[in-house]
Amino acid sequence: MTQAPFSIGSSPMYSPPTSRRVLPRKCKDVSYYLTDSEASDADVEEIADITHGKKAKLNVKAKLSARARPTKSPPQKTIFPFASLPPELKNKIYNYVLTSDHEVPIIWRLRQYRHTAALGDSDTFQNFLRRRRYRLFSSSPTPPKPIWKPSFGPNILVLNRQMHAETLPILYGANVFAFEDTRALHAFCANIGPKNCALLQRLALKHMGYSKGSKALNNPAFAMLGSAVNLTCLAIDCSIHYSGRGEQIARQFYRDGHHWLEAVASSRKRRDAAVDVVELGLENIQHYGSNRFGDEDEAADRETLLAITTSFRNELRRMLKS
């Protein structure tokens, strides 16, 4: 018996591996377009050599021109040219943003062991003397007034240097800054510096220090105010001396504010130049501990204040010229 030759394919235990068919990947058609600037003559020549013939060269060039898409720059955001506005129009905008219809109340605050000045509200100055020193001697308290806070935006000063330089004279010159006491005045002048103090125009002082702790800052506060030589009005809306006499008020004011008085005289080349700037308030007509605030005869109070102011200015002129 002859045995059949052994072959791998004839073995029942072995099956050859079946080949797996790989389908081609489908890709999206990508079209490339050349603009007029990108379609150079070399590219046209290269395409023409492939297609052979001058007609093909012309057809390729025509197709490239037809398919050429103009390149557009992305649209830029339009910015309002505020810096190019006329100065008169910009000043109107600055006055609208930086000025207040009322006094700007400045109060003293201690923050992180530092003497600073902060923005207050109308309640800070409502019946200031009555609430603090003369509250026990008032016979008819004034009804409370609505609380307001000045609404203006000094944040525009930090936009750029040009706007900072243009807005500083309006911020410090067009507002009336009212100080809670001499501590607030001292902290305010120390924080803004002598350059900005020279821009101040109108100030109001609501309280002078009387106790040993508070009156110690009366003289330093006016010394810090020495750079404010361009003031047009310094309203003293508080009692300076308990006697209510113009001569005594002038001597006390000269003792506390001689640095500022002499600085104004040196700047304006006149010794008594600061006398006309100071204005006394109605609080100076009453005597210490009296109920003068309870009187309702405002006309009489105005006449009394006029007489006190006249004697105050005469005595202050005499002291400055001596």
C-alpha atoms as a PDB file:
ATOM      1  CA  MET A   1       0.000   0.000   0.000  1.00  0.00           C
ATOM      2  CA  THR A   2       1.426   3.259  -1.042  1.00  0.00           C
ATOM      3  CA  GLN A   3       1.052   6.285   1.283  1.00  0.00           C
ATOM      4  CA  ALA A   4       0.008   9.581  -0.221  1.00  0.00           C
ATOM      5  CA  PRO A   5       2.536  12.361   0.089  1.00  0.00           C
ATOM      6  CA  PHE A   6       1.960  14.742   3.045  1.00  0.00           C
ATOM      7  CA  SER A   7       0.953  18.276   2.201  1.00  0.00           C
ATOM      8  CA  ILE A   8      -0.014  21.149   4.450  1.00  0.00           C
ATOM      9  CA  GLY A   9      -3.010  22.096   2.429  1.00  0.00           C
ATOM     10  CA  SER A  10      -4.425  18.605   2.601  1.00  0.00           C
ATOM     11  CA  SER A  11      -4.387  18.427   6.364  1.00  0.00           C
ATOM     12  CA  PRO A  12      -7.884  18.616   7.774  1.00  0.00           C
ATOM     13  CA  MET A  13      -6.610  20.245  10.959  1.00  0.00           C
ATOM     14  CA  TYR A  14      -5.082  23.251   9.191  1.00  0.00           C
ATOM     15  CA  SER A  15      -6.909  26.080   7.426  1.00  0.00           C
ATOM     16  CA  PRO A  16      -4.953  28.835   5.676  1.00  0.00           C
ATOM     17  CA  PRO A  17      -5.559  32.416   6.986  1.00  0.00           C
ATOM     18  CA  THR A  18      -8.102  34.363   5.023  1.00  0.00           C
ATOM     19  CA  SER A  19      -6.877  37.747   3.776  1.00  0.00           C
ATOM     20  CA  ARG A  20      -8.841  40.720   5.269  1.00  0.00           C
ATOM     21  CA  ARG A  21      -9.908  43.262   2.741  1.00  0.00           C
ATOM     22  CA  VAL A  22      -9.083  46.876   3.724  1.00  0.00           C
ATOM     23  CA  LEU A  23     -11.480  49.449   2.378  1.00  0.00           C
ATOM     24  CA  PRO A  24      -9.991  52.683   1.114  1.00  0.00           C
ATOM     25  CA  ARG A  25     -10.440  55.727   3.427  1.00  0.00           C
ATOM     26  CA  LYS A  26     -12.829  58.328   2.204  1.00  0.00           C
ATOM     27  CA  CYS A  27     -11.399  61.848   2.347  1.00  0.00           C
ATOM     28  CA  LYS A  28     -13.149  65.058   1.640  1.00  0.00           C
ATOM     29  CA  ASP A  29     -12.201  66.838  -1.480  1.00  0.00           C
ATOM     30  CA  VAL A  30      -9.975  69.799  -0.683  1.00  0.00           C
ATOM     31  CA  SER A  31      -9.804  72.606  -3.172  1.00  0.00           C
ATOM     32  CA  TYR A  32      -6.960  75.078  -3.138  1.00  0.00           C
ATOM     33  CA  TYR A  33      -7.359  78.525  -4.590  1.00  0.00           C
ATOM     34  CA  LEU A  34      -4.653  80.921  -5.564  1.00  0.00           C
ATOM     35  CA  THR A  35      -5.124  84.647  -5.452  1.00  0.00           C
ATOM     36  CA  ASP A  36      -3.824  86.938  -8.139  1.00  0.00           C
ATOM     37  CA  SER A  37      -0.826  87.777  -6.045  1.00  0.00           C
ATOM     38  CA  GLU A  38      -0.122  84.110  -5.277  1.00  0.00           C
ATOM     39  CA  ALA A  39      -0.622  82.801  -8.866  1.00  0.00           C
ATOM     40  CA  SER A  40       2.788  83.592 -10.299  1.00  0.00           C
ATOM     41  CA  ASP A  41       3.913  82.888 -13.843  1.00  0.00           C
ATOM     42  CA  ALA A  42       6.070  80.022 -12.623  1.00  0.00           C
ATOM     43  CA  ASP A  43       3.034  78.241 -11.201  1.00  0.00           C
ATOM     44  CA  VAL A  44       1.150  78.689 -14.468  1.00  0.00           C
ATOM     45  CA  GLU A  45       4.116  77.368 -16.457  1.00  0.00           C
ATOM     46  CA  GLU A  46       4.378  74.336 -14.189  1.00  0.00           C
ATOM     47  CA  ILE A  47       0.701  73.495 -14.569  1.00  0.00           C
ATOM     48  CA  ALA A  48       0.895  74.077 -18.324  1.00  0.00           C
ATOM     49  CA  ASP A  49       3.840  71.692 -18.665  1.00  0.00           C
ATOM     50  CA  ILE A  50       1.809  68.995 -17.004  1.00  0.00           C
ATOM     51  CA  THR A  51      -1.251  69.502 -19.174  1.00  0.00           C
ATOM     52  CA  HIS A  52       0.830  70.229 -22.344  1.00  0.00           C
ATOM     53  CA  GLY A  53      -0.142  72.963 -24.709  1.00  0.00           C
ATOM     54  CA  LYS A  54      -0.553  76.727 -24.914  1.00  0.00           C
ATOM     55  CA  LYS A  55      -4.313  76.515 -24.761  1.00  0.00           C
ATOM     56  CA  ALA A  56      -4.048  74.673 -21.508  1.00  0.00           C
ATOM     57  CA  LYS A  57      -1.758  77.444 -20.241  1.00  0.00           C
ATOM     58  CA  LEU A  58      -4.320  80.093 -21.074  1.00  0.00           C
ATOM     59  CA  ASN A  59      -7.136  78.031 -19.626  1.00  0.00           C
ATOM     60  CA  VAL A  60      -5.231  77.488 -16.384  1.00  0.00           C
ATOM     61  CA  LYS A  61      -4.520  81.190 -16.067  1.00  0.00           C
ATOM     62  CA  ALA A  62      -8.161  82.039 -16.728  1.00  0.00           C
ATOM     63  CA  LYS A  63      -9.340  79.507 -14.163  1.00  0.00           C
ATOM     64  CA  LEU A  64      -6.894  80.836 -11.591  1.00  0.00           C
ATOM     65  CA  SER A  65      -8.122  84.383 -12.148  1.00  0.00           C
ATOM     66  CA  ALA A  66     -11.755  83.255 -11.951  1.00  0.00           C
ATOM     67  CA  ARG A  67     -11.176  81.295  -8.775  1.00  0.00           C
ATOM     68  CA  ALA A  68      -9.089  84.020  -7.143  1.00  0.00           C
ATOM     69  CA  ARG A  69     -10.721  85.274  -3.954  1.00  0.00           C
ATOM     70  CA  PRO A  70      -9.921  88.745  -2.621  1.00  0.00           C
ATOM     71  CA  THR A  71      -8.285  88.719   0.809  1.00  0.00           C
ATOM     72  CA  LYS A  72     -10.231  90.793   3.376  1.00  0.00           C
ATOM     73  CA  SER A  73      -8.699  92.016   6.612  1.00  0.00           C
ATOM     74  CA  PRO A  74     -10.764  91.272   9.735  1.00  0.00           C
ATOM     75  CA  PRO A  75     -13.041  94.144  10.737  1.00  0.00           C
ATOM     76  CA  GLN A  76     -11.520  96.341  13.402  1.00  0.00           C
ATOM     77  CA  LYS A  77     -13.544  97.599  16.355  1.00  0.00           C
ATOM     78  CA  THR A  78     -14.274 101.281  16.075  1.00  0.00           C
ATOM     79  CA  ILE A  79     -13.010 103.278  19.079  1.00  0.00           C
ATOM     80  CA  PHE A  80     -14.511 106.675  19.830  1.00  0.00           C
ATOM     81  CA  PRO A  81     -11.776 109.318  19.318  1.00  0.00           C
ATOM     82  CA  PHE A  82     -12.253 111.044  22.662  1.00  0.00           C
ATOM     83  CA  ALA A  83      -8.710 112.419  22.749  1.00  0.00           C
ATOM     84  CA  SER A  84      -9.266 114.268  19.467  1.00  0.00           C
ATOM     85  CA  LEU A  85     -12.323 116.169  20.723  1.00  0.00           C
ATOM     86  CA  PRO A  86     -12.062 119.967  21.116  1.00  0.00           C
ATOM     87  CA  PRO A  87     -10.854 121.078  24.567  1.00  0.00           C
ATOM     88  CA  GLU A  88     -14.115 122.944  25.247  1.00  0.00           C
ATOM     89  CA  LEU A  89     -16.190 119.802  24.727  1.00  0.00           C
ATOM     90  CA  LYS A  90     -13.846 117.661  26.803  1.00  0.00           C
ATOM     91  CA  ASN A  91     -13.974 120.162  29.664  1.00  0.00           C
ATOM     92  CA  LYS A  92     -17.774 119.977  29.645  1.00  0.00           C
ATOM     93  CA  ILE A  93     -17.600 116.203  29.938  1.00  0.00           C
ATOM     94  CA  TYR A  94     -14.997 116.455  32.707  1.00  0.00           C
ATOM     95  CA  ASN A  95     -17.146 118.925  34.648  1.00  0.00           C
ATOM     96  CA  TYR A  96     -20.149 116.622  34.348  1.00  0.00           C
ATOM     97  CA  VAL A  97     -18.177 113.639  35.662  1.00  0.00           C
ATOM     98  CA  LEU A  98     -15.914 115.241  38.282  1.00  0.00           C
ATOM     99  CA  THR A  99     -17.990 117.974  39.927  1.00  0.00           C
ATOM    100  CA  SER A 100     -20.644 117.746  42.627  1.00  0.00           C
ATOM    101  CA  ASP A 101     -23.632 120.022  43.174  1.00  0.00           C
ATOM    102  CA  HIS A 102     -23.038 119.913  46.940  1.00  0.00           C
ATOM    103  CA  GLU A 103     -20.022 120.172  49.155  1.00  0.00           C
ATOM    104  CA  VAL A 104     -17.682 117.196  49.022  1.00  0.00           C
ATOM    105  CA  PRO A 105     -17.420 115.998  52.647  1.00  0.00           C
ATOM    106  CA  ILE A 106     -13.989 114.764  53.721  1.00  0.00           C
ATOM    107  CA  ILE A 107     -13.687 112.844  56.992  1.00  0.00           C
ATOM    108  CA  TRP A 108     -10.718 111.519  58.935  1.00  0.00           C
ATOM    109  CA  ARG A 109     -10.172 107.774  59.204  1.00  0.00           C
ATOM    110  CA  LEU A 110      -7.492 105.550  60.730  1.00  0.00           C
ATOM    111  CA  ARG A 111      -6.779 102.631  58.387  1.00  0.00           C
ATOM    112  CA  GLN A 112      -4.061 100.117  59.148  1.00  0.00           C
ATOM    113  CA  TYR A 113      -2.501 102.532  61.645  1.00  0.00           C
ATOM    114  CA  ARG A 114      -2.345 105.266  58.986  1.00  0.00           C
ATOM    115  CA  HIS A 115      -4.030 108.679  59.102  1.00  0.00           C
ATOM    116  CA  THR A 116      -6.116 108.931  55.938  1.00  0.00           C
ATOM    117  CA  ALA A 117      -8.943 111.058  54.532  1.00  0.00           C
ATOM    118  CA  ALA A 118     -12.119 109.447  53.183  1.00  0.00           C
ATOM    119  CA  LEU A 119     -15.270 110.564  51.414  1.00  0.00           C
ATOM    120  CA  GLY A 120     -18.191 111.120  53.787  1.00  0.00           C
ATOM    121  CA  ASP A 121     -21.878 111.952  53.382  1.00  0.00           C
ATOM    122  CA  SER A 122     -24.195 114.767  54.399  1.00  0.00           C
ATOM    123  CA  ASP A 123     -24.930 113.185  57.772  1.00  0.00           C
ATOM    124  CA  THR A 124     -21.293 113.750  58.694  1.00  0.00           C
ATOM    125  CA  PHE A 125     -21.872 117.518  58.751  1.00  0.00           C
ATOM    126  CA  GLN A 126     -25.521 117.870  59.754  1.00  0.00           C
ATOM    127  CA  ASN A 127     -25.574 120.217  62.741  1.00  0.00           C
ATOM    128  CA  PHE A 128     -21.961 119.342  63.409  1.00  0.00           C
ATOM    129  CA  LEU A 129     -21.407 121.669  66.314  1.00  0.00           C
ATOM    130  CA  ARG A 130     -24.790 120.954  67.825  1.00  0.00           C
ATOM    131  CA  ARG A 131     -24.292 117.209  67.743  1.00  0.00           C
ATOM    132  CA  ARG A 132     -20.762 117.291  69.142  1.00  0.00           C
ATOM    133  CA  ARG A 133     -20.115 120.315  71.310  1.00  0.00           C
ATOM    134  CA  TYR A 134     -23.317 122.312  71.617  1.00  0.00           C
ATOM    135  CA  ARG A 135     -25.898 119.543  71.614  1.00  0.00           C
ATOM    136  CA  LEU A 136     -26.642 120.084  75.316  1.00  0.00           C
ATOM    137  CA  PHE A 137     -27.103 123.833  74.880  1.00  0.00           C
ATOM    138  CA  SER A 138     -29.432 123.835  71.861  1.00  0.00           C
ATOM    139  CA  SER A 139     -33.022 124.865  72.549  1.00  0.00           C
ATOM    140  CA  SER A 140     -34.555 124.004  69.139  1.00  0.00           C
ATOM    141  CA  PRO A 141     -32.809 121.250  67.198  1.00  0.00           C
ATOM    142  CA  THR A 142     -32.845 121.528  63.431  1.00  0.00           C
ATOM    143  CA  PRO A 143     -34.967 118.861  61.695  1.00  0.00           C
ATOM    144  CA  PRO A 144     -32.864 116.208  59.983  1.00  0.00           C
ATOM    145  CA  LYS A 145     -32.077 116.676  56.313  1.00  0.00           C
ATOM    146  CA  PRO A 146     -31.880 113.906  53.729  1.00  0.00           C
ATOM    147  CA  ILE A 147     -28.550 112.137  53.566  1.00  0.00           C
ATOM    148  CA  TRP A 148     -26.692 112.565  50.297  1.00  0.00           C
ATOM    149  CA  LYS A 149     -23.313 111.504  49.051  1.00  0.00           C
ATOM    150  CA  PRO A 150     -21.515 113.287  46.212  1.00  0.00           C
ATOM    151  CA  SER A 151     -21.819 111.371  42.979  1.00  0.00           C
ATOM    152  CA  PHE A 152     -18.816 111.899  40.754  1.00  0.00           C
ATOM    153  CA  GLY A 153     -16.256 109.588  39.216  1.00  0.00           C
ATOM    154  CA  PRO A 154     -12.623 110.440  39.926  1.00  0.00           C
ATOM    155  CA  ASN A 155     -11.646 107.027  38.550  1.00  0.00           C
ATOM    156  CA  ILE A 156     -11.140 108.502  35.086  1.00  0.00           C
ATOM    157  CA  LEU A 157      -7.929 110.089  36.338  1.00  0.00           C
ATOM    158  CA  VAL A 158      -6.152 106.730  36.104  1.00  0.00           C
ATOM    159  CA  LEU A 159      -7.010 106.036  32.439  1.00  0.00           C
ATOM    160  CA  ASN A 160      -3.901 107.669  30.991  1.00  0.00           C
ATOM    161  CA  ARG A 161      -1.444 110.472  31.660  1.00  0.00           C
ATOM    162  CA  GLN A 162      -3.083 112.939  29.330  1.00  0.00           C
ATOM    163  CA  MET A 163      -6.480 112.590  30.976  1.00  0.00           C
ATOM    164  CA  HIS A 164      -4.859 112.742  34.409  1.00  0.00           C
ATOM    165  CA  ALA A 165      -3.235 116.064  33.578  1.00  0.00           C
ATOM    166  CA  GLU A 166      -6.435 117.481  32.057  1.00  0.00           C
ATOM    167  CA  THR A 167      -8.795 116.478  34.860  1.00  0.00           C
ATOM    168  CA  LEU A 168      -6.781 117.354  37.971  1.00  0.00           C
ATOM    169  CA  PRO A 169      -7.494 121.122  37.817  1.00  0.00           C
ATOM    170  CA  ILE A 170     -11.222 120.416  37.439  1.00  0.00           C
ATOM    171  CA  LEU A 171     -11.399 117.885  40.266  1.00  0.00           C
ATOM    172  CA  TYR A 172      -9.620 120.084  42.810  1.00  0.00           C
ATOM    173  CA  GLY A 173     -10.650 123.474  41.455  1.00  0.00           C
ATOM    174  CA  ALA A 174     -14.358 123.082  40.666  1.00  0.00           C
ATOM    175  CA  ASN A 175     -15.480 121.367  43.897  1.00  0.00           C
ATOM    176  CA  VAL A 176     -15.999 122.691  47.410  1.00  0.00           C
ATOM    177  CA  PHE A 177     -14.233 120.376  49.857  1.00  0.00           C
ATOM    178  CA  ALA A 178     -15.738 120.432  53.349  1.00  0.00           C
ATOM    179  CA  PHE A 179     -13.565 118.965  56.112  1.00  0.00           C
ATOM    180  CA  GLU A 180     -14.903 117.323  59.227  1.00  0.00           C
ATOM    181  CA  ASP A 181     -12.167 118.854  61.377  1.00  0.00           C
ATOM    182  CA  THR A 182      -8.504 119.805  61.228  1.00  0.00           C
ATOM    183  CA  ARG A 183      -7.489 116.149  61.403  1.00  0.00           C
ATOM    184  CA  ALA A 184      -9.276 115.514  58.099  1.00  0.00           C
ATOM    185  CA  LEU A 185      -7.705 118.660  56.608  1.00  0.00           C
ATOM    186  CA  HIS A 186      -4.228 117.556  57.670  1.00  0.00           C
ATOM    187  CA  ALA A 187      -4.652 114.020  56.311  1.00  0.00           C
ATOM    188  CA  PHE A 188      -6.145 115.270  53.032  1.00  0.00           C
ATOM    189  CA  CYS A 189      -3.338 117.735  52.306  1.00  0.00           C
ATOM    190  CA  ALA A 190      -0.678 115.229  53.312  1.00  0.00           C
ATOM    191  CA  ASN A 191      -2.102 112.580  50.982  1.00  0.00           C
ATOM    192  CA  ILE A 192      -2.634 114.668  47.830  1.00  0.00           C
ATOM    193  CA  GLY A 193       0.705 116.495  48.082  1.00  0.00           C
ATOM    194  CA  PRO A 194       1.698 120.154  47.607  1.00  0.00           C
ATOM    195  CA  LYS A 195       1.303 120.061  43.809  1.00  0.00           C
ATOM    196  CA  ASN A 196      -2.385 119.170  44.047  1.00  0.00           C
ATOM    197  CA  CYS A 197      -2.918 121.492  47.020  1.00  0.00           C
ATOM    198  CA  ALA A 198      -2.011 124.387  44.737  1.00  0.00           C
ATOM    199  CA  LEU A 199      -5.061 123.510  42.592  1.00  0.00           C
ATOM    200  CA  LEU A 200      -7.581 123.893  45.432  1.00  0.00           C
ATOM    201  CA  GLN A 201     -10.010 126.801  45.100  1.00  0.00           C
ATOM    202  CA  ARG A 202     -12.730 126.553  47.789  1.00  0.00           C
ATOM    203  CA  LEU A 203     -12.579 124.884  51.181  1.00  0.00           C
ATOM    204  CA  ALA A 204     -14.835 124.734  54.229  1.00  0.00           C
ATOM    205  CA  LEU A 205     -13.782 123.789  57.757  1.00  0.00           C
ATOM    206  CA  LYS A 206     -16.535 122.437  59.994  1.00  0.00           C
ATOM    207  CA  HIS A 207     -14.719 121.991  63.270  1.00  0.00           C
ATOM    208  CA  MET A 208     -11.614 123.299  65.017  1.00  0.00           C
ATOM    209  CA  GLY A 209      -9.900 121.239  67.667  1.00  0.00           C
ATOM    210  CA  TYR A 210     -10.523 122.331  71.250  1.00  0.00           C
ATOM    211  CA  SER A 211      -9.307 119.489  73.445  1.00  0.00           C
ATOM    212  CA  LYS A 212      -5.654 118.806  74.114  1.00  0.00           C
ATOM    213  CA  GLY A 213      -5.679 115.892  71.704  1.00  0.00           C
ATOM    214  CA  SER A 214      -7.552 117.513  68.809  1.00  0.00           C
ATOM    215  CA  LYS A 215      -6.254 121.089  68.905  1.00  0.00           C
ATOM    216  CA  ALA A 216      -2.703 119.811  68.529  1.00  0.00           C
ATOM    217  CA  LEU A 217      -3.411 119.333  64.813  1.00  0.00           C
ATOM    218  CA  ASN A 218      -4.793 122.820  64.178  1.00  0.00           C
ATOM    219  CA  ASN A 219      -1.417 124.364  63.431  1.00  0.00           C
ATOM    220  CA  PRO A 220      -0.005 121.368  61.470  1.00  0.00           C
ATOM    221  CA  ALA A 221      -3.175 121.272  59.342  1.00  0.00           C
ATOM    222  CA  PHE A 222      -2.766 124.898  58.228  1.00  0.00           C
ATOM    223  CA  ALA A 223       0.958 124.308  57.749  1.00  0.00           C
ATOM    224  CA  MET A 224       0.118 121.485  55.318  1.00  0.00           C
ATOM    225  CA  LEU A 225      -2.280 123.896  53.620  1.00  0.00           C
ATOM    226  CA  GLY A 226       0.633 126.242  52.894  1.00  0.00           C
ATOM    227  CA  SER A 227       0.772 125.104  49.264  1.00  0.00           C
ATOM    228  CA  ALA A 228      -2.869 126.114  48.667  1.00  0.00           C
ATOM    229  CA  VAL A 229      -2.007 129.684  47.741  1.00  0.00           C
ATOM    230  CA  ASN A 230      -4.679 129.933  45.035  1.00  0.00           C
ATOM    231  CA  LEU A 231      -7.684 129.632  47.318  1.00  0.00           C
ATOM    232  CA  THR A 232     -10.576 131.968  46.592  1.00  0.00           C
ATOM    233  CA  CYS A 233     -12.623 131.044  49.668  1.00  0.00           C
ATOM    234  CA  LEU A 234     -11.809 129.453  53.026  1.00  0.00           C
ATOM    235  CA  ALA A 235     -15.080 129.197  54.962  1.00  0.00           C
ATOM    236  CA  ILE A 236     -14.709 128.736  58.712  1.00  0.00           C
ATOM    237  CA  ASP A 237     -18.079 127.160  59.562  1.00  0.00           C
ATOM    238  CA  CYS A 238     -17.231 126.635  63.213  1.00  0.00           C
ATOM    239  CA  SER A 239     -16.518 128.596  66.335  1.00  0.00           C
ATOM    240  CA  ILE A 240     -12.848 129.577  66.603  1.00  0.00           C
ATOM    241  CA  HIS A 241     -12.894 131.348  69.972  1.00  0.00           C
ATOM    242  CA  TYR A 242     -15.389 130.994  72.802  1.00  0.00           C
ATOM    243  CA  SER A 243     -15.643 134.754  73.407  1.00  0.00           C
ATOM    244  CA  GLY A 244     -17.338 135.538  70.084  1.00  0.00           C
ATOM    245  CA  ARG A 245     -15.286 138.737  69.674  1.00  0.00           C
ATOM    246  CA  GLY A 246     -13.681 139.534  66.323  1.00  0.00           C
ATOM    247  CA  GLU A 247     -10.314 140.461  67.809  1.00  0.00           C
ATOM    248  CA  GLN A 248     -10.018 137.247  69.808  1.00  0.00           C
ATOM    249  CA  ILE A 249     -11.092 135.181  66.807  1.00  0.00           C
ATOM    250  CA  ALA A 250      -8.409 136.853  64.652  1.00  0.00           C
ATOM    251  CA  ARG A 251      -5.673 136.201  67.220  1.00  0.00           C
ATOM    252  CA  GLN A 252      -6.639 132.555  67.596  1.00  0.00           C
ATOM    253  CA  PHE A 253      -6.824 132.070  63.832  1.00  0.00           C
ATOM    254  CA  TYR A 254      -3.429 133.733  63.343  1.00  0.00           C
ATOM    255  CA  ARG A 255      -1.921 131.483  66.021  1.00  0.00           C
ATOM    256  CA  ASP A 256      -3.137 128.372  64.212  1.00  0.00           C
ATOM    257  CA  GLY A 257      -2.877 129.444  60.571  1.00  0.00           C
ATOM    258  CA  HIS A 258       0.055 131.857  60.287  1.00  0.00           C
ATOM    259  CA  HIS A 259       1.939 129.438  57.990  1.00  0.00           C
ATOM    260  CA  TRP A 260      -0.819 129.512  55.405  1.00  0.00           C
ATOM    261  CA  LEU A 261      -1.415 133.266  55.823  1.00  0.00           C
ATOM    262  CA  GLU A 262       2.243 134.050  55.194  1.00  0.00           C
ATOM    263  CA  ALA A 263       2.439 131.633  52.235  1.00  0.00           C
ATOM    264  CA  VAL A 264      -0.479 133.376  50.506  1.00  0.00           C
ATOM    265  CA  ALA A 265       1.069 136.780  51.228  1.00  0.00           C
ATOM    266  CA  SER A 266       4.373 135.658  49.691  1.00  0.00           C
ATOM    267  CA  SER A 267       2.671 134.241  46.613  1.00  0.00           C
ATOM    268  CA  ARG A 268       0.471 137.269  45.926  1.00  0.00           C
ATOM    269  CA  LYS A 269       3.047 139.862  46.945  1.00  0.00           C
ATOM    270  CA  ARG A 270       0.735 141.405  49.525  1.00  0.00           C
ATOM    271  CA  ARG A 271       0.852 140.854  53.271  1.00  0.00           C
ATOM    272  CA  ASP A 272      -2.887 140.872  53.885  1.00  0.00           C
ATOM    273  CA  ALA A 273      -3.832 138.978  50.708  1.00  0.00           C
ATOM    274  CA  ALA A 274      -5.305 136.051  52.649  1.00  0.00           C
ATOM    275  CA  VAL A 275      -7.615 138.199  54.781  1.00  0.00           C
ATOM    276  CA  ASP A 276     -10.247 138.559  52.082  1.00  0.00           C
ATOM    277  CA  VAL A 277     -10.189 134.809  51.424  1.00  0.00           C
ATOM    278  CA  VAL A 278     -11.314 133.846  54.947  1.00  0.00           C
ATOM    279  CA  GLU A 279     -15.063 133.882  55.596  1.00  0.00           C
ATOM    280  CA  LEU A 280     -16.577 133.385  59.036  1.00  0.00           C
ATOM    281  CA  GLY A 281     -19.715 131.339  59.598  1.00  0.00           C
ATOM    282  CA  LEU A 282     -22.684 132.002  61.868  1.00  0.00           C
ATOM    283  CA  GLU A 283     -21.215 129.702  64.497  1.00  0.00           C
ATOM    284  CA  ASN A 284     -18.769 132.472  65.470  1.00  0.00           C
ATOM    285  CA  ILE A 285     -21.467 134.840  66.763  1.00  0.00           C
ATOM    286  CA  GLN A 286     -22.438 132.741  69.774  1.00  0.00           C
ATOM    287  CA  HIS A 287     -20.759 132.533  73.143  1.00  0.00           C
ATOM    288  CA  TYR A 288     -19.485 129.277  74.510  1.00  0.00           C
ATOM    289  CA  GLY A 289     -22.266 127.350  76.246  1.00  0.00           C
ATOM    290  CA  SER A 290     -25.088 129.656  75.128  1.00  0.00           C
ATOM    291  CA  ASN A 291     -28.252 128.681  73.278  1.00  0.00           C
ATOM    292  CA  ARG A 292     -27.618 131.081  70.424  1.00  0.00           C
ATOM    293  CA  PHE A 293     -28.449 128.351  67.911  1.00  0.00           C
ATOM    294  CA  GLY A 294     -32.023 128.335  69.121  1.00  0.00           C
ATOM    295  CA  ASP A 295     -32.747 131.905  67.950  1.00  0.00           C
ATOM    296  CA  GLU A 296     -34.698 132.258  64.742  1.00  0.00           C
ATOM    297  CA  ASP A 297     -33.890 135.899  63.942  1.00  0.00           C
ATOM    298  CA  GLU A 298     -31.582 135.264  60.997  1.00  0.00           C
ATOM    299  CA  ALA A 299     -31.420 138.923  59.938  1.00  0.00           C
ATOM    300  CA  ALA A 300     -30.055 139.950  63.336  1.00  0.00           C
ATOM    301  CA  ASP A 301     -27.553 137.130  63.209  1.00  0.00           C
ATOM    302  CA  ARG A 302     -26.316 138.326  59.825  1.00  0.00           C
ATOM    303  CA  GLU A 303     -25.795 141.855  61.116  1.00  0.00           C
ATOM    304  CA  THR A 304     -23.925 140.563  64.137  1.00  0.00           C
ATOM    305  CA  LEU A 305     -21.768 138.331  61.953  1.00  0.00           C
ATOM    306  CA  LEU A 306     -20.950 141.270  59.670  1.00  0.00           C
ATOM    307  CA  ALA A 307     -19.730 143.324  62.622  1.00  0.00           C
ATOM    308  CA  ILE A 308     -17.658 140.423  63.947  1.00  0.00           C
ATOM    309  CA  THR A 309     -16.167 139.776  60.491  1.00  0.00           C
ATOM    310  CA  THR A 310     -15.181 143.449  60.121  1.00  0.00           C
ATOM    311  CA  SER A 311     -13.351 143.517  63.439  1.00  0.00           C
ATOM    312  CA  PHE A 312     -11.821 140.107  62.671  1.00  0.00           C
ATOM    313  CA  ARG A 313     -10.331 141.285  59.369  1.00  0.00           C
ATOM    314  CA  ASN A 314      -9.066 144.570  60.799  1.00  0.00           C
ATOM    315  CA  GLU A 315      -7.242 142.801  63.600  1.00  0.00           C
ATOM    316  CA  LEU A 316      -5.860 140.137  61.269  1.00  0.00           C
ATOM    317  CA  ARG A 317      -4.535 142.797  58.870  1.00  0.00           C
ATOM    318  CA  ARG A 318      -2.852 144.583  61.721  1.00  0.00           C
ATOM    319  CA  MET A 319      -1.130 141.399  62.861  1.00  0.00           C
ATOM    320  CA  LEU A 320       0.027 140.501  59.344  1.00  0.00           C
ATOM    321  CA  LYS A 321       1.466 143.961  58.651  1.00  0.00           C
ATOM    322  CA  SER A 322       3.199 144.321  61.992  1.00  0.00           C
END
